[in-house]
C-alpha atoms as a PDB file:
ATOM      1  CA  MET A   1       0.000   0.000   0.000  1.00  0.00           C
ATOM      2  CA  GLY A   2       2.966   2.336   0.306  1.00  0.00           C
ATOM      3  CA  ALA A   3       3.067   3.484  -3.328  1.00  0.00           C
ATOM      4  CA  ARG A   4      -0.710   3.971  -3.372  1.00  0.00           C
ATOM      5  CA  ASP A   5      -0.532   6.114  -0.244  1.00  0.00           C
ATOM      6  CA  VAL A   6       2.141   8.293  -1.836  1.00  0.00           C
ATOM      7  CA  ALA A   7       0.128   8.594  -5.051  1.00  0.00           C
ATOM      8  CA  ARG A   8      -2.894   9.724  -3.025  1.00  0.00           C
ATOM      9  CA  ALA A   9      -0.753  12.243  -1.170  1.00  0.00           C
ATOM     10  CA  ILE A  10       0.610  13.606  -4.451  1.00  0.00           C
ATOM     11  CA  ASP A  11      -2.933  14.000  -5.763  1.00  0.00           C
ATOM     12  CA  ALA A  12      -4.036  15.704  -2.554  1.00  0.00           C
ATOM     13  CA  LEU A  13      -1.216  18.261  -2.663  1.00  0.00           C
ATOM     14  CA  ARG A  14      -2.009  19.083  -6.292  1.00  0.00           C
ATOM     15  CA  ARG A  15      -5.652  19.662  -5.357  1.00  0.00           C
ATOM     16  CA  GLY A  16      -4.769  21.970  -2.478  1.00  0.00           C
ATOM     17  CA  TRP A  17      -5.599  19.454   0.235  1.00  0.00           C
ATOM     18  CA  PRO A  18      -3.450  18.803   3.320  1.00  0.00           C
ATOM     19  CA  VAL A  19      -1.452  15.599   3.750  1.00  0.00           C
ATOM     20  CA  ALA A  20       0.289  14.004   6.709  1.00  0.00           C
ATOM     21  CA  LEU A  21       3.640  12.311   7.041  1.00  0.00           C
ATOM     22  CA  GLY A  22       3.633  10.756  10.468  1.00  0.00           C
ATOM     23  CA  GLU A  23       2.423  13.324  12.991  1.00  0.00           C
ATOM     24  CA  ILE A  24       3.235  16.340  10.811  1.00  0.00           C
ATOM     25  CA  SER A  25       0.795  17.813   8.301  1.00  0.00           C
ATOM     26  CA  PHE A  26       1.613  19.772   5.156  1.00  0.00           C
ATOM     27  CA  LEU A  27      -0.269  21.989   2.735  1.00  0.00           C
ATOM     28  CA  ALA A  28       1.308  23.074  -0.547  1.00  0.00           C
ATOM     29  CA  ILE A  29       1.602  26.862  -0.678  1.00  0.00           C
ATOM     30  CA  GLU A  30       1.161  26.909  -4.449  1.00  0.00           C
ATOM     31  CA  THR A  31      -2.240  25.179  -4.487  1.00  0.00           C
ATOM     32  CA  ALA A  32      -3.670  26.424  -1.164  1.00  0.00           C
ATOM     33  CA  ASP A  33      -6.599  28.812  -1.067  1.00  0.00           C
ATOM     34  CA  GLU A  34      -7.748  31.154   1.692  1.00  0.00           C
ATOM     35  CA  THR A  35     -10.399  28.777   2.997  1.00  0.00           C
ATOM     36  CA  GLY A  36      -8.074  25.794   3.012  1.00  0.00           C
ATOM     37  CA  LEU A  37      -5.309  27.738   4.745  1.00  0.00           C
ATOM     38  CA  ALA A  38      -7.685  29.030   7.422  1.00  0.00           C
ATOM     39  CA  ALA A  39      -8.792  25.473   8.166  1.00  0.00           C
ATOM     40  CA  PHE A  40      -5.201  24.253   8.184  1.00  0.00           C
ATOM     41  CA  ASP A  41      -4.035  27.027  10.525  1.00  0.00           C
ATOM     42  CA  GLY A  42      -6.664  26.195  13.107  1.00  0.00           C
ATOM     43  CA  PRO A  43      -7.524  28.355  16.129  1.00  0.00           C
ATOM     44  CA  ASP A  44      -4.058  28.424  17.699  1.00  0.00           C
ATOM     45  CA  ALA A  45      -0.711  29.396  16.207  1.00  0.00           C
ATOM     46  CA  PRO A  46      -0.620  29.692  12.400  1.00  0.00           C
ATOM     47  CA  ALA A  47       1.226  27.072  10.404  1.00  0.00           C
ATOM     48  CA  ALA A  48       4.906  27.633   9.705  1.00  0.00           C
ATOM     49  CA  LEU A  49       6.495  27.603   6.250  1.00  0.00           C
ATOM     50  CA  LEU A  50       8.832  24.878   5.038  1.00  0.00           C
ATOM     51  CA  ILE A  51      11.119  25.802   2.131  1.00  0.00           C
ATOM     52  CA  SER A  52      14.172  24.293   0.497  1.00  0.00           C
ATOM     53  CA  GLY A  53      17.707  25.193   1.477  1.00  0.00           C
ATOM     54  CA  ASN A  54      18.361  26.723  -1.923  1.00  0.00           C
ATOM     55  CA  ARG A  55      15.360  29.004  -1.636  1.00  0.00           C
ATOM     56  CA  ALA A  56      16.372  29.918   1.915  1.00  0.00           C
ATOM     57  CA  ALA A  57      19.792  30.958   0.621  1.00  0.00           C
ATOM     58  CA  THR A  58      18.119  33.250  -1.912  1.00  0.00           C
ATOM     59  CA  LEU A  59      16.106  34.815   0.921  1.00  0.00           C
ATOM     60  CA  LYS A  60      19.348  35.384   2.900  1.00  0.00           C
ATOM     61  CA  LEU A  61      18.432  33.009   5.707  1.00  0.00           C
ATOM     62  CA  THR A  62      21.738  31.159   5.711  1.00  0.00           C
ATOM     63  CA  ASN A  63      23.073  33.235   8.605  1.00  0.00           C
ATOM     64  CA  GLN A  64      20.285  31.900  10.835  1.00  0.00           C
ATOM     65  CA  ARG A  65      21.192  28.226  10.555  1.00  0.00           C
ATOM     66  CA  ASP A  66      24.059  25.852  10.064  1.00  0.00           C
ATOM     67  CA  ALA A  67      25.708  25.866   6.648  1.00  0.00           C
ATOM     68  CA  GLU A  68      23.698  23.010   5.139  1.00  0.00           C
ATOM     69  CA  PRO A  69      22.593  24.282   1.717  1.00  0.00           C
ATOM     70  CA  ASP A  70      20.527  21.227   0.780  1.00  0.00           C
ATOM     71  CA  GLU A  71      18.603  20.958   4.045  1.00  0.00           C
ATOM     72  CA  PRO A  72      15.003  22.194   4.372  1.00  0.00           C
ATOM     73  CA  VAL A  73      14.413  25.346   6.379  1.00  0.00           C
ATOM     74  CA  LEU A  74      11.467  26.125   8.644  1.00  0.00           C
ATOM     75  CA  VAL A  75      10.322  29.752   8.637  1.00  0.00           C
ATOM     76  CA  LYS A  76       8.220  31.065  11.511  1.00  0.00           C
ATOM     77  CA  ARG A  77       4.874  32.449  10.418  1.00  0.00           C
ATOM     78  CA  ALA A  78       4.800  36.122  11.301  1.00  0.00           C
ATOM     79  CA  PRO A  79       1.322  37.741  11.470  1.00  0.00           C
ATOM     80  CA  TRP A  80       1.939  39.607   8.214  1.00  0.00           C
ATOM     81  CA  ILE A  81       2.679  36.440   6.217  1.00  0.00           C
ATOM     82  CA  ASP A  82      -0.662  35.809   4.527  1.00  0.00           C
ATOM     83  CA  LEU A  83      -1.276  33.504   1.559  1.00  0.00           C
ATOM     84  CA  ALA A  84      -0.152  36.079  -1.008  1.00  0.00           C
ATOM     85  CA  THR A  85       3.069  36.723   0.895  1.00  0.00           C
ATOM     86  CA  ALA A  86       3.660  32.995   1.291  1.00  0.00           C
ATOM     87  CA  ASN A  87       3.346  32.578  -2.472  1.00  0.00           C
ATOM     88  CA  ALA A  88       5.891  35.339  -2.962  1.00  0.00           C
ATOM     89  CA  ILE A  89       8.228  33.559  -0.557  1.00  0.00           C
ATOM     90  CA  ALA A  90       7.753  30.292  -2.454  1.00  0.00           C
ATOM     91  CA  ASP A  91       8.080  31.530  -6.029  1.00  0.00           C
ATOM     92  CA  PRO A  92      11.322  33.296  -7.060  1.00  0.00           C
ATOM     93  CA  ALA A  93       9.782  34.238 -10.394  1.00  0.00           C
ATOM     94  CA  LEU A  94       7.880  36.847  -8.344  1.00  0.00           C
ATOM     95  CA  ASP A  95      11.010  38.322  -6.765  1.00  0.00           C
ATOM     96  CA  LEU A  96      11.153  41.331  -9.076  1.00  0.00           C
ATOM     97  CA  ALA A  97       7.478  42.084  -8.416  1.00  0.00           C
ATOM     98  CA  THR A  98       7.839  41.760  -4.635  1.00  0.00           C
ATOM     99  CA  PRO A  99      11.478  42.571  -3.901  1.00  0.00           C
ATOM    100  CA  PHE A 100      11.119  43.705  -0.277  1.00  0.00           C
ATOM    101  CA  LYS A 101      10.343  40.581   1.733  1.00  0.00           C
ATOM    102  CA  GLY A 102      11.208  39.924   5.335  1.00  0.00           C
ATOM    103  CA  PRO A 103      12.526  39.994   7.884  1.00  0.00           C
ATOM    104  CA  PHE A 104      12.100  36.266   8.376  1.00  0.00           C
ATOM    105  CA  GLN A 105      12.979  34.143  11.365  1.00  0.00           C
ATOM    106  CA  THR A 106      13.833  30.456  11.107  1.00  0.00           C
ATOM    107  CA  ALA A 107      13.077  27.741  13.622  1.00  0.00           C
ATOM    108  CA  PRO A 108      14.534  24.265  14.244  1.00  0.00           C
ATOM    109  CA  LEU A 109      13.055  21.398  12.256  1.00  0.00           C
ATOM    110  CA  CYS A 110      11.201  18.973  14.499  1.00  0.00           C
ATOM    111  CA  SER A 111      12.046  16.116  12.121  1.00  0.00           C
ATOM    112  CA  PRO A 112      14.579  16.712   9.316  1.00  0.00           C
ATOM    113  CA  PRO A 113      13.802  13.361   7.582  1.00  0.00           C
ATOM    114  CA  THR A 114      10.100  14.220   7.518  1.00  0.00           C
ATOM    115  CA  ALA A 115      10.866  17.704   6.184  1.00  0.00           C
ATOM    116  CA  ARG A 116      13.034  16.280   3.396  1.00  0.00           C
ATOM    117  CA  SER A 117      10.303  13.797   2.554  1.00  0.00           C
ATOM    118  CA  ALA A 118       7.653  16.538   2.425  1.00  0.00           C
ATOM    119  CA  LEU A 119       9.681  18.633  -0.012  1.00  0.00           C
ATOM    120  CA  ARG A 120      10.251  15.560  -2.167  1.00  0.00           C
ATOM    121  CA  LEU A 121       6.509  14.929  -2.153  1.00  0.00           C
ATOM    122  CA  ALA A 122       5.925  18.470  -3.437  1.00  0.00           C
ATOM    123  CA  ARG A 123       8.495  17.901  -6.197  1.00  0.00           C
ATOM    124  CA  LEU A 124       6.818  14.614  -7.155  1.00  0.00           C
ATOM    125  CA  ALA A 125       3.568  16.563  -7.456  1.00  0.00           C
ATOM    126  CA  GLY A 126       5.229  19.022  -9.831  1.00  0.00           C
ATOM    127  CA  LEU A 127       4.844  21.838  -7.320  1.00  0.00           C
ATOM    128  CA  LEU A 128       7.270  24.327  -5.860  1.00  0.00           C
ATOM    129  CA  PRO A 129       9.032  22.821  -2.816  1.00  0.00           C
ATOM    130  CA  ALA A 130       7.323  25.133  -0.346  1.00  0.00           C
ATOM    131  CA  LEU A 131       4.677  24.079   2.161  1.00  0.00           C
ATOM    132  CA  PHE A 132       2.711  25.219   5.168  1.00  0.00           C
ATOM    133  CA  THR A 133       3.322  22.801   8.016  1.00  0.00           C
ATOM    134  CA  ARG A 134       2.078  22.055  11.520  1.00  0.00           C
ATOM    135  CA  ARG A 135       2.034  19.152  13.917  1.00  0.00           C
ATOM    136  CA  ASP A 136      -1.211  17.170  14.239  1.00  0.00           C
ATOM    137  CA  GLY A 137      -2.968  19.162  11.547  1.00  0.00           C
ATOM    138  CA  PRO A 138      -5.757  17.970   9.239  1.00  0.00           C
ATOM    139  CA  ALA A 139      -4.982  15.532   6.422  1.00  0.00           C
ATOM    140  CA  GLU A 140      -6.866  14.214   3.413  1.00  0.00           C
ATOM    141  CA  ALA A 141      -4.126  11.652   2.716  1.00  0.00           C
ATOM    142  CA  ARG A 142      -1.356  10.018   4.698  1.00  0.00           C
ATOM    143  CA  ALA A 143       1.938   8.432   3.664  1.00  0.00           C
ATOM    144  CA  GLU A 144       5.092   7.126   5.256  1.00  0.00           C
ATOM    145  CA  VAL A 145       8.390   8.997   4.992  1.00  0.00           C
ATOM    146  CA  ALA A 146      10.272   5.955   3.702  1.00  0.00           C
ATOM    147  CA  ASP A 147       7.679   5.323   0.978  1.00  0.00           C
ATOM    148  CA  VAL A 148       7.953   8.887  -0.287  1.00  0.00           C
ATOM    149  CA  MET A 149      11.735   8.649  -0.510  1.00  0.00           C
ATOM    150  CA  THR A 150      11.612   5.450  -2.601  1.00  0.00           C
ATOM    151  CA  PHE A 151       8.649   6.428  -4.778  1.00  0.00           C
ATOM    152  CA  GLY A 152       9.538   6.525  -8.475  1.00  0.00           C
ATOM    153  CA  SER A 153      12.642   4.344  -8.167  1.00  0.00           C
ATOM    154  CA  GLY A 154      11.386   2.020 -10.891  1.00  0.00           C
ATOM    155  CA  ALA A 155      11.984  -1.106  -8.825  1.00  0.00           C
ATOM    156  CA  ASP A 156       8.710  -2.609 -10.077  1.00  0.00           C
ATOM    157  CA  LEU A 157       8.940  -1.209 -13.607  1.00  0.00           C
ATOM    158  CA  ARG A 158       7.255  -3.467 -16.137  1.00  0.00           C
ATOM    159  CA  ILE A 159       6.228  -3.561 -19.785  1.00  0.00           C
ATOM    160  CA  VAL A 160       2.485  -2.952 -20.135  1.00  0.00           C
ATOM    161  CA  SER A 161       1.991  -2.489 -23.875  1.00  0.00           C
ATOM    162  CA  ARG A 162       3.851  -2.656 -27.185  1.00  0.00           C
ATOM    163  CA  ALA A 163       3.021  -2.010 -30.825  1.00  0.00           C
ATOM    164  CA  ARG A 164       4.635  -1.688 -34.247  1.00  0.00           C
ATOM    165  CA  LEU A 165       5.525   1.934 -34.999  1.00  0.00           C
ATOM    166  CA  PRO A 166       6.938   2.856 -38.403  1.00  0.00           C
ATOM    167  CA  SER A 167       8.256   6.423 -38.386  1.00  0.00           C
ATOM    168  CA  ARG A 168       9.900   8.908 -40.715  1.00  0.00           C
ATOM    169  CA  PHE A 169      13.204   7.764 -39.243  1.00  0.00           C
ATOM    170  CA  ALA A 170      12.744   4.027 -39.750  1.00  0.00           C
ATOM    171  CA  GLU A 171       9.922   1.861 -41.017  1.00  0.00           C
ATOM    172  CA  GLN A 172      10.952  -1.013 -38.756  1.00  0.00           C
ATOM    173  CA  GLY A 173      10.124   0.275 -35.298  1.00  0.00           C
ATOM    174  CA  GLU A 174       8.382  -0.919 -32.148  1.00  0.00           C
ATOM    175  CA  ILE A 175       7.171   1.271 -29.294  1.00  0.00           C
ATOM    176  CA  ILE A 176       7.015  -0.198 -25.802  1.00  0.00           C
ATOM    177  CA  ALA A 177       5.309   1.411 -22.807  1.00  0.00           C
ATOM    178  CA  PHE A 178       6.459   0.929 -19.214  1.00  0.00           C
ATOM    179  CA  ARG A 179       4.570   1.476 -15.988  1.00  0.00           C
ATOM    180  CA  SER A 180       5.475   1.300 -12.306  1.00  0.00           C
ATOM    181  CA  ASP A 181       3.233   1.386  -9.243  1.00  0.00           C
ATOM    182  CA  GLY A 182       5.805   3.677  -7.651  1.00  0.00           C
ATOM    183  CA  ASP A 183       5.722   6.303 -10.382  1.00  0.00           C
ATOM    184  CA  THR A 184       3.034   8.546 -11.840  1.00  0.00           C
ATOM    185  CA  ALA A 185       4.795   8.725 -15.226  1.00  0.00           C
ATOM    186  CA  GLU A 186       4.693   6.184 -18.043  1.00  0.00           C
ATOM    187  CA  HIS A 187       8.004   5.931 -19.887  1.00  0.00           C
ATOM    188  CA  VAL A 188       8.410   4.551 -23.414  1.00  0.00           C
ATOM    189  CA  ALA A 189      11.083   2.915 -25.519  1.00  0.00           C
ATOM    190  CA  LEU A 190      11.318   2.975 -29.310  1.00  0.00           C
ATOM    191  CA  LEU A 191      13.203   0.035 -30.766  1.00  0.00           C
ATOM    192  CA  ILE A 192      14.588   0.589 -34.252  1.00  0.00           C
ATOM    193  CA  GLY A 193      15.913  -2.261 -36.341  1.00  0.00           C
ATOM    194  CA  ALA A 194      16.638  -5.689 -34.906  1.00  0.00           C
ATOM    195  CA  PRO A 195      19.314  -7.120 -32.601  1.00  0.00           C
ATOM    196  CA  ASN A 196      22.442  -7.997 -34.564  1.00  0.00           C
ATOM    197  CA  GLY A 197      24.759  -9.311 -31.882  1.00  0.00           C
ATOM    198  CA  GLN A 198      26.263  -5.878 -31.205  1.00  0.00           C
ATOM    199  CA  PRO A 199      25.469  -3.487 -28.335  1.00  0.00           C
ATOM    200  CA  PRO A 200      22.542  -1.295 -29.421  1.00  0.00           C
ATOM    201  CA  LEU A 201      23.026   2.418 -29.916  1.00  0.00           C
ATOM    202  CA  VAL A 202      20.917   3.933 -27.126  1.00  0.00           C
ATOM    203  CA  ARG A 203      19.693   7.451 -26.532  1.00  0.00           C
ATOM    204  CA  VAL A 204      18.254   8.321 -23.100  1.00  0.00           C
ATOM    205  CA  HIS A 205      16.092  11.357 -23.840  1.00  0.00           C
ATOM    206  CA  SER A 206      14.147  13.299 -21.228  1.00  0.00           C
ATOM    207  CA  GLU A 207      10.766  14.668 -22.251  1.00  0.00           C
ATOM    208  CA  CYS A 208      10.764  18.297 -23.418  1.00  0.00           C
ATOM    209  CA  LEU A 209       7.384  19.469 -24.651  1.00  0.00           C
ATOM    210  CA  THR A 210       8.649  22.876 -25.699  1.00  0.00           C
ATOM    211  CA  GLY A 211      11.624  21.501 -27.617  1.00  0.00           C
ATOM    212  CA  ASP A 212      10.347  18.140 -28.868  1.00  0.00           C
ATOM    213  CA  ALA A 213       6.865  19.240 -29.963  1.00  0.00           C
ATOM    214  CA  LEU A 214       6.773  23.043 -30.126  1.00  0.00           C
ATOM    215  CA  GLY A 215      10.126  23.749 -31.803  1.00  0.00           C
ATOM    216  CA  SER A 216      11.613  25.806 -28.971  1.00  0.00           C
ATOM    217  CA  LEU A 217      14.917  27.511 -29.748  1.00  0.00           C
ATOM    218  CA  LYS A 218      15.739  27.971 -26.045  1.00  0.00           C
ATOM    219  CA  CYS A 219      17.209  24.445 -25.849  1.00  0.00           C
ATOM    220  CA  ASP A 220      18.631  21.786 -28.160  1.00  0.00           C
ATOM    221  CA  CYS A 221      16.217  19.010 -27.148  1.00  0.00           C
ATOM    222  CA  GLY A 222      14.150  18.813 -30.329  1.00  0.00           C
ATOM    223  CA  PRO A 223      17.134  18.714 -32.709  1.00  0.00           C
ATOM    224  CA  GLN A 224      18.912  16.246 -30.407  1.00  0.00           C
ATOM    225  CA  LEU A 225      15.897  13.939 -30.450  1.00  0.00           C
ATOM    226  CA  ALA A 226      15.713  13.992 -34.239  1.00  0.00           C
ATOM    227  CA  ALA A 227      19.476  13.564 -34.638  1.00  0.00           C
ATOM    228  CA  ALA A 228      19.469  10.651 -32.186  1.00  0.00           C
ATOM    229  CA  LEU A 229      16.700   8.846 -34.061  1.00  0.00           C
ATOM    230  CA  GLU A 230      18.530   9.386 -37.333  1.00  0.00           C
ATOM    231  CA  ALA A 231      21.750   8.012 -35.843  1.00  0.00           C
ATOM    232  CA  ILE A 232      19.990   4.991 -34.363  1.00  0.00           C
ATOM    233  CA  ALA A 233      18.310   4.242 -37.687  1.00  0.00           C
ATOM    234  CA  ALA A 234      21.633   4.600 -39.524  1.00  0.00           C
ATOM    235  CA  SER A 235      23.288   2.196 -37.091  1.00  0.00           C
ATOM    236  CA  GLY A 236      20.772  -0.525 -37.967  1.00  0.00           C
ATOM    237  CA  TRP A 237      19.907  -1.398 -34.357  1.00  0.00           C
ATOM    238  CA  GLY A 238      19.211   0.770 -31.377  1.00  0.00           C
ATOM    239  CA  ILE A 239      16.812   2.074 -28.768  1.00  0.00           C
ATOM    240  CA  LEU A 240      15.409   5.459 -27.812  1.00  0.00           C
ATOM    241  CA  LEU A 241      14.392   5.622 -24.152  1.00  0.00           C
ATOM    242  CA  TYR A 242      11.943   8.493 -23.720  1.00  0.00           C
ATOM    243  CA  LEU A 243      11.765   9.393 -20.033  1.00  0.00           C
ATOM    244  CA  ARG A 244       8.853  11.445 -18.742  1.00  0.00           C
ATOM    245  CA  GLN A 245      11.099  13.772 -16.761  1.00  0.00           C
ATOM    246  CA  GLU A 246      10.146  17.186 -18.118  1.00  0.00           C
ATOM    247  CA  GLY A 247      12.436  20.098 -17.329  1.00  0.00           C
ATOM    248  CA  ARG A 248      15.168  17.956 -15.758  1.00  0.00           C
ATOM    249  CA  SER A 249      12.318  16.405 -13.788  1.00  0.00           C
ATOM    250  CA  ILE A 250      11.003  19.602 -12.190  1.00  0.00           C
ATOM    251  CA  GLY A 251       7.851  19.465 -14.312  1.00  0.00           C
ATOM    252  CA  LEU A 252       6.466  21.633 -17.094  1.00  0.00           C
ATOM    253  CA  VAL A 253       5.066  24.436 -14.928  1.00  0.00           C
ATOM    254  CA  ASN A 254       8.287  24.802 -12.962  1.00  0.00           C
ATOM    255  CA  LYS A 255      10.295  24.704 -16.184  1.00  0.00           C
ATOM    256  CA  LEU A 256       8.310  27.696 -17.415  1.00  0.00           C
ATOM    257  CA  ARG A 257       9.081  29.421 -14.116  1.00  0.00           C
ATOM    258  CA  ALA A 258      12.744  28.677 -14.789  1.00  0.00           C
ATOM    259  CA  TYR A 259      12.322  30.265 -18.220  1.00  0.00           C
ATOM    260  CA  GLN A 260      11.052  33.422 -16.487  1.00  0.00           C
ATOM    261  CA  LEU A 261      14.155  33.470 -14.310  1.00  0.00           C
ATOM    262  CA  GLN A 262      16.384  32.931 -17.342  1.00  0.00           C
ATOM    263  CA  ASP A 263      14.756  35.975 -18.940  1.00  0.00           C
ATOM    264  CA  GLN A 264      15.779  37.869 -15.787  1.00  0.00           C
ATOM    265  CA  GLY A 265      19.418  36.904 -16.407  1.00  0.00           C
ATOM    266  CA  TYR A 266      19.916  33.624 -14.519  1.00  0.00           C
ATOM    267  CA  ASP A 267      21.398  30.617 -16.263  1.00  0.00           C
ATOM    268  CA  THR A 268      19.726  27.198 -16.301  1.00  0.00           C
ATOM    269  CA  VAL A 269      21.496  25.953 -13.188  1.00  0.00           C
ATOM    270  CA  ASP A 270      20.853  29.041 -11.069  1.00  0.00           C
ATOM    271  CA  ALA A 271      17.217  29.217 -12.202  1.00  0.00           C
ATOM    272  CA  ASN A 272      16.569  25.696 -10.939  1.00  0.00           C
ATOM    273  CA  LEU A 273      18.415  26.372  -7.686  1.00  0.00           C
ATOM    274  CA  ARG A 274      16.455  29.570  -7.039  1.00  0.00           C
ATOM    275  CA  LEU A 275      13.227  27.619  -7.537  1.00  0.00           C
ATOM    276  CA  GLY A 276      14.356  25.321  -4.737  1.00  0.00           C
ATOM    277  CA  PHE A 277      15.365  22.354  -6.877  1.00  0.00           C
ATOM    278  CA  ALA A 278      18.679  20.682  -7.575  1.00  0.00           C
ATOM    279  CA  ASP A 279      20.472  21.557 -10.798  1.00  0.00           C
ATOM    280  CA  ASP A 280      19.212  18.256 -12.232  1.00  0.00           C
ATOM    281  CA  GLU A 281      16.444  16.232 -10.559  1.00  0.00           C
ATOM    282  CA  ARG A 282      16.381  13.415 -13.126  1.00  0.00           C
ATOM    283  CA  ASP A 283      16.770   9.759 -12.164  1.00  0.00           C
ATOM    284  CA  PHE A 284      18.513   7.847 -14.933  1.00  0.00           C
ATOM    285  CA  SER A 285      18.272   4.570 -13.029  1.00  0.00           C
ATOM    286  CA  VAL A 286      14.786   4.295 -14.567  1.00  0.00           C
ATOM    287  CA  ALA A 287      16.522   3.961 -17.928  1.00  0.00           C
ATOM    288  CA  ALA A 288      18.578   1.086 -16.528  1.00  0.00           C
ATOM    289  CA  ARG A 289      15.435  -0.739 -15.427  1.00  0.00           C
ATOM    290  CA  MET A 290      13.962  -0.282 -18.916  1.00  0.00           C
ATOM    291  CA  LEU A 291      17.087  -1.665 -20.575  1.00  0.00           C
ATOM    292  CA  GLU A 292      17.072  -4.661 -18.249  1.00  0.00           C
ATOM    293  CA  ALA A 293      13.445  -5.343 -19.140  1.00  0.00           C
ATOM    294  CA  LEU A 294      14.445  -5.257 -22.804  1.00  0.00           C
ATOM    295  CA  GLY A 295      17.324  -7.665 -22.185  1.00  0.00           C
ATOM    296  CA  GLN A 296      20.001  -5.110 -23.080  1.00  0.00           C
ATOM    297  CA  THR A 297      22.663  -4.648 -20.419  1.00  0.00           C
ATOM    298  CA  ARG A 298      25.551  -3.689 -22.720  1.00  0.00           C
ATOM    299  CA  ILE A 299      25.055  -0.605 -24.865  1.00  0.00           C
ATOM    300  CA  ARG A 300      26.619   2.213 -26.837  1.00  0.00           C
ATOM    301  CA  LEU A 301      25.291   5.415 -25.293  1.00  0.00           C
ATOM    302  CA  LEU A 302      24.526   8.437 -27.441  1.00  0.00           C
ATOM    303  CA  THR A 303      25.127  11.335 -25.024  1.00  0.00           C
ATOM    304  CA  ASN A 304      27.231  14.344 -24.092  1.00  0.00           C
ATOM    305  CA  ASN A 305      26.391  13.917 -20.408  1.00  0.00           C
ATOM    306  CA  PRO A 306      28.955  11.919 -18.390  1.00  0.00           C
ATOM    307  CA  ARG A 307      26.430  11.654 -15.536  1.00  0.00           C
ATOM    308  CA  LYS A 308      24.242   9.404 -17.669  1.00  0.00           C
ATOM    309  CA  VAL A 309      27.194   7.086 -18.269  1.00  0.00           C
ATOM    310  CA  ALA A 310      28.118   7.004 -14.580  1.00  0.00           C
ATOM    311  CA  THR A 311      24.538   6.421 -13.403  1.00  0.00           C
ATOM    312  CA  LEU A 312      23.919   3.558 -15.810  1.00  0.00           C
ATOM    313  CA  GLU A 313      27.229   1.896 -15.031  1.00  0.00           C
ATOM    314  CA  ALA A 314      26.538   2.211 -11.299  1.00  0.00           C
ATOM    315  CA  VAL A 315      23.425   0.059 -11.755  1.00  0.00           C
ATOM    316  CA  GLU A 316      25.164  -2.543 -13.895  1.00  0.00           C
ATOM    317  CA  ILE A 317      24.478  -1.325 -17.417  1.00  0.00           C
ATOM    318  CA  ALA A 318      27.804  -1.611 -19.250  1.00  0.00           C
ATOM    319  CA  VAL A 319      28.498   1.362 -21.513  1.00  0.00           C
ATOM    320  CA  ALA A 320      30.818   0.005 -24.196  1.00  0.00           C
ATOM    321  CA  GLU A 321      31.133   3.414 -25.845  1.00  0.00           C
ATOM    322  CA  ARG A 322      29.964   6.983 -25.333  1.00  0.00           C
ATOM    323  CA  VAL A 323      28.947   8.437 -28.691  1.00  0.00           C
ATOM    324  CA  PRO A 324      28.805  12.264 -28.782  1.00  0.00           C
ATOM    325  CA  LEU A 325      25.678  13.972 -30.093  1.00  0.00           C
ATOM    326  CA  LYS A 326      25.932  17.434 -31.613  1.00  0.00           C
ATOM    327  CA  ALA A 327      22.776  19.128 -32.847  1.00  0.00           C
ATOM    328  CA  GLY A 328      20.660  22.216 -32.428  1.00  0.00           C
ATOM    329  CA  ALA A 329      23.146  24.961 -31.515  1.00  0.00           C
ATOM    330  CA  GLY A 330      21.866  28.439 -32.326  1.00  0.00           C
ATOM    331  CA  VAL A 331      21.723  32.075 -31.322  1.00  0.00           C
ATOM    332  CA  HIS A 332      18.873  31.597 -28.837  1.00  0.00           C
ATOM    333  CA  ASN A 333      20.372  28.664 -26.924  1.00  0.00           C
ATOM    334  CA  GLN A 334      24.096  29.370 -26.938  1.00  0.00           C
ATOM    335  CA  ALA A 335      24.130  30.489 -23.304  1.00  0.00           C
ATOM    336  CA  TYR A 336      22.141  27.364 -22.376  1.00  0.00           C
ATOM    337  CA  LEU A 337      24.670  25.138 -24.148  1.00  0.00           C
ATOM    338  CA  ASP A 338      27.580  26.990 -22.547  1.00  0.00           C
ATOM    339  CA  THR A 339      26.019  26.393 -19.120  1.00  0.00           C
ATOM    340  CA  LYS A 340      25.601  22.667 -19.816  1.00  0.00           C
ATOM    341  CA  ARG A 341      29.289  22.517 -20.764  1.00  0.00           C
ATOM    342  CA  ASP A 342      30.742  24.765 -18.069  1.00  0.00           C
ATOM    343  CA  ARG A 343      28.517  23.982 -15.082  1.00  0.00           C
ATOM    344  CA  SER A 344      26.993  20.574 -15.778  1.00  0.00           C
ATOM    345  CA  GLY A 345      30.060  18.940 -17.313  1.00  0.00           C
ATOM    346  CA  HIS A 346      28.595  18.048 -20.704  1.00  0.00           C
ATOM    347  CA  GLN A 347      31.157  17.032 -23.319  1.00  0.00           C
ATOM    348  CA  LEU A 348      31.247  16.560 -27.067  1.00  0.00           C
END
């Protein structure tokens, strides 16, 4: 029941309903309304705010706590922090509109593991990692801390459907859909050609609606996807793994918030950090589980990202060769590509 409980909690947060992890209740700031917050606050002290360490650093709260940049931070709820102010605290895309926040006062976390789990739950819901919190508050759903931390690991990933799929890249293609009880996303693989005794050429591609479908020039995702499929088809045998991890797994809405921050002058890495996320939230171990299900544990990997190689090899997928992929550079995404090279370690 653990994965189901987490899925219910994710749904509740997205709907603006409170959830409980153990004895501590949480309400997502982003989806709360005035009525829901009033009920969550109760008659006594108002609920505090829980934010990520990265967001706390942006709000200059690092001098009030130990130097632990990745740890959650609890902010005391001053009388003037209403729902609108809480949203401004949560969302850095609003910083230029509401530049004079504070002063804020932090408080000790009553349970750091629970706080980390709560922020992860918000991320799994595609929400900003910022929550109202109180002990023994109301809850529409309950989950265990350990279940939240393992949700989406792909341990029970399985093939649920497959079909022939000729495409403009190759007429001989098969699409295979994967599902896991511990994940709300359904990942797919596109097999091109047929096994020939050699390691398949594999591309692990993370979903990018704006680049893959809408032709965005802000990134190189769409051209990389097309170039990868062309290379796989030319090789005679290979696999595209299409992971539903939009925006480096921060979700579409948060990716658009990151775009707003980039328009304010922040690079891709700093935009994600200011939103309260890691530079890259993706979990490439899901790709390893997909390859295992397909019976392919030795591959040639089409990537510029050494982290993909390291992650796959750490979970026993042998990368016989890293094949560089160059596509999509242009005027609008040059800074983005420079950031991937200089700050994220991408190589050609």
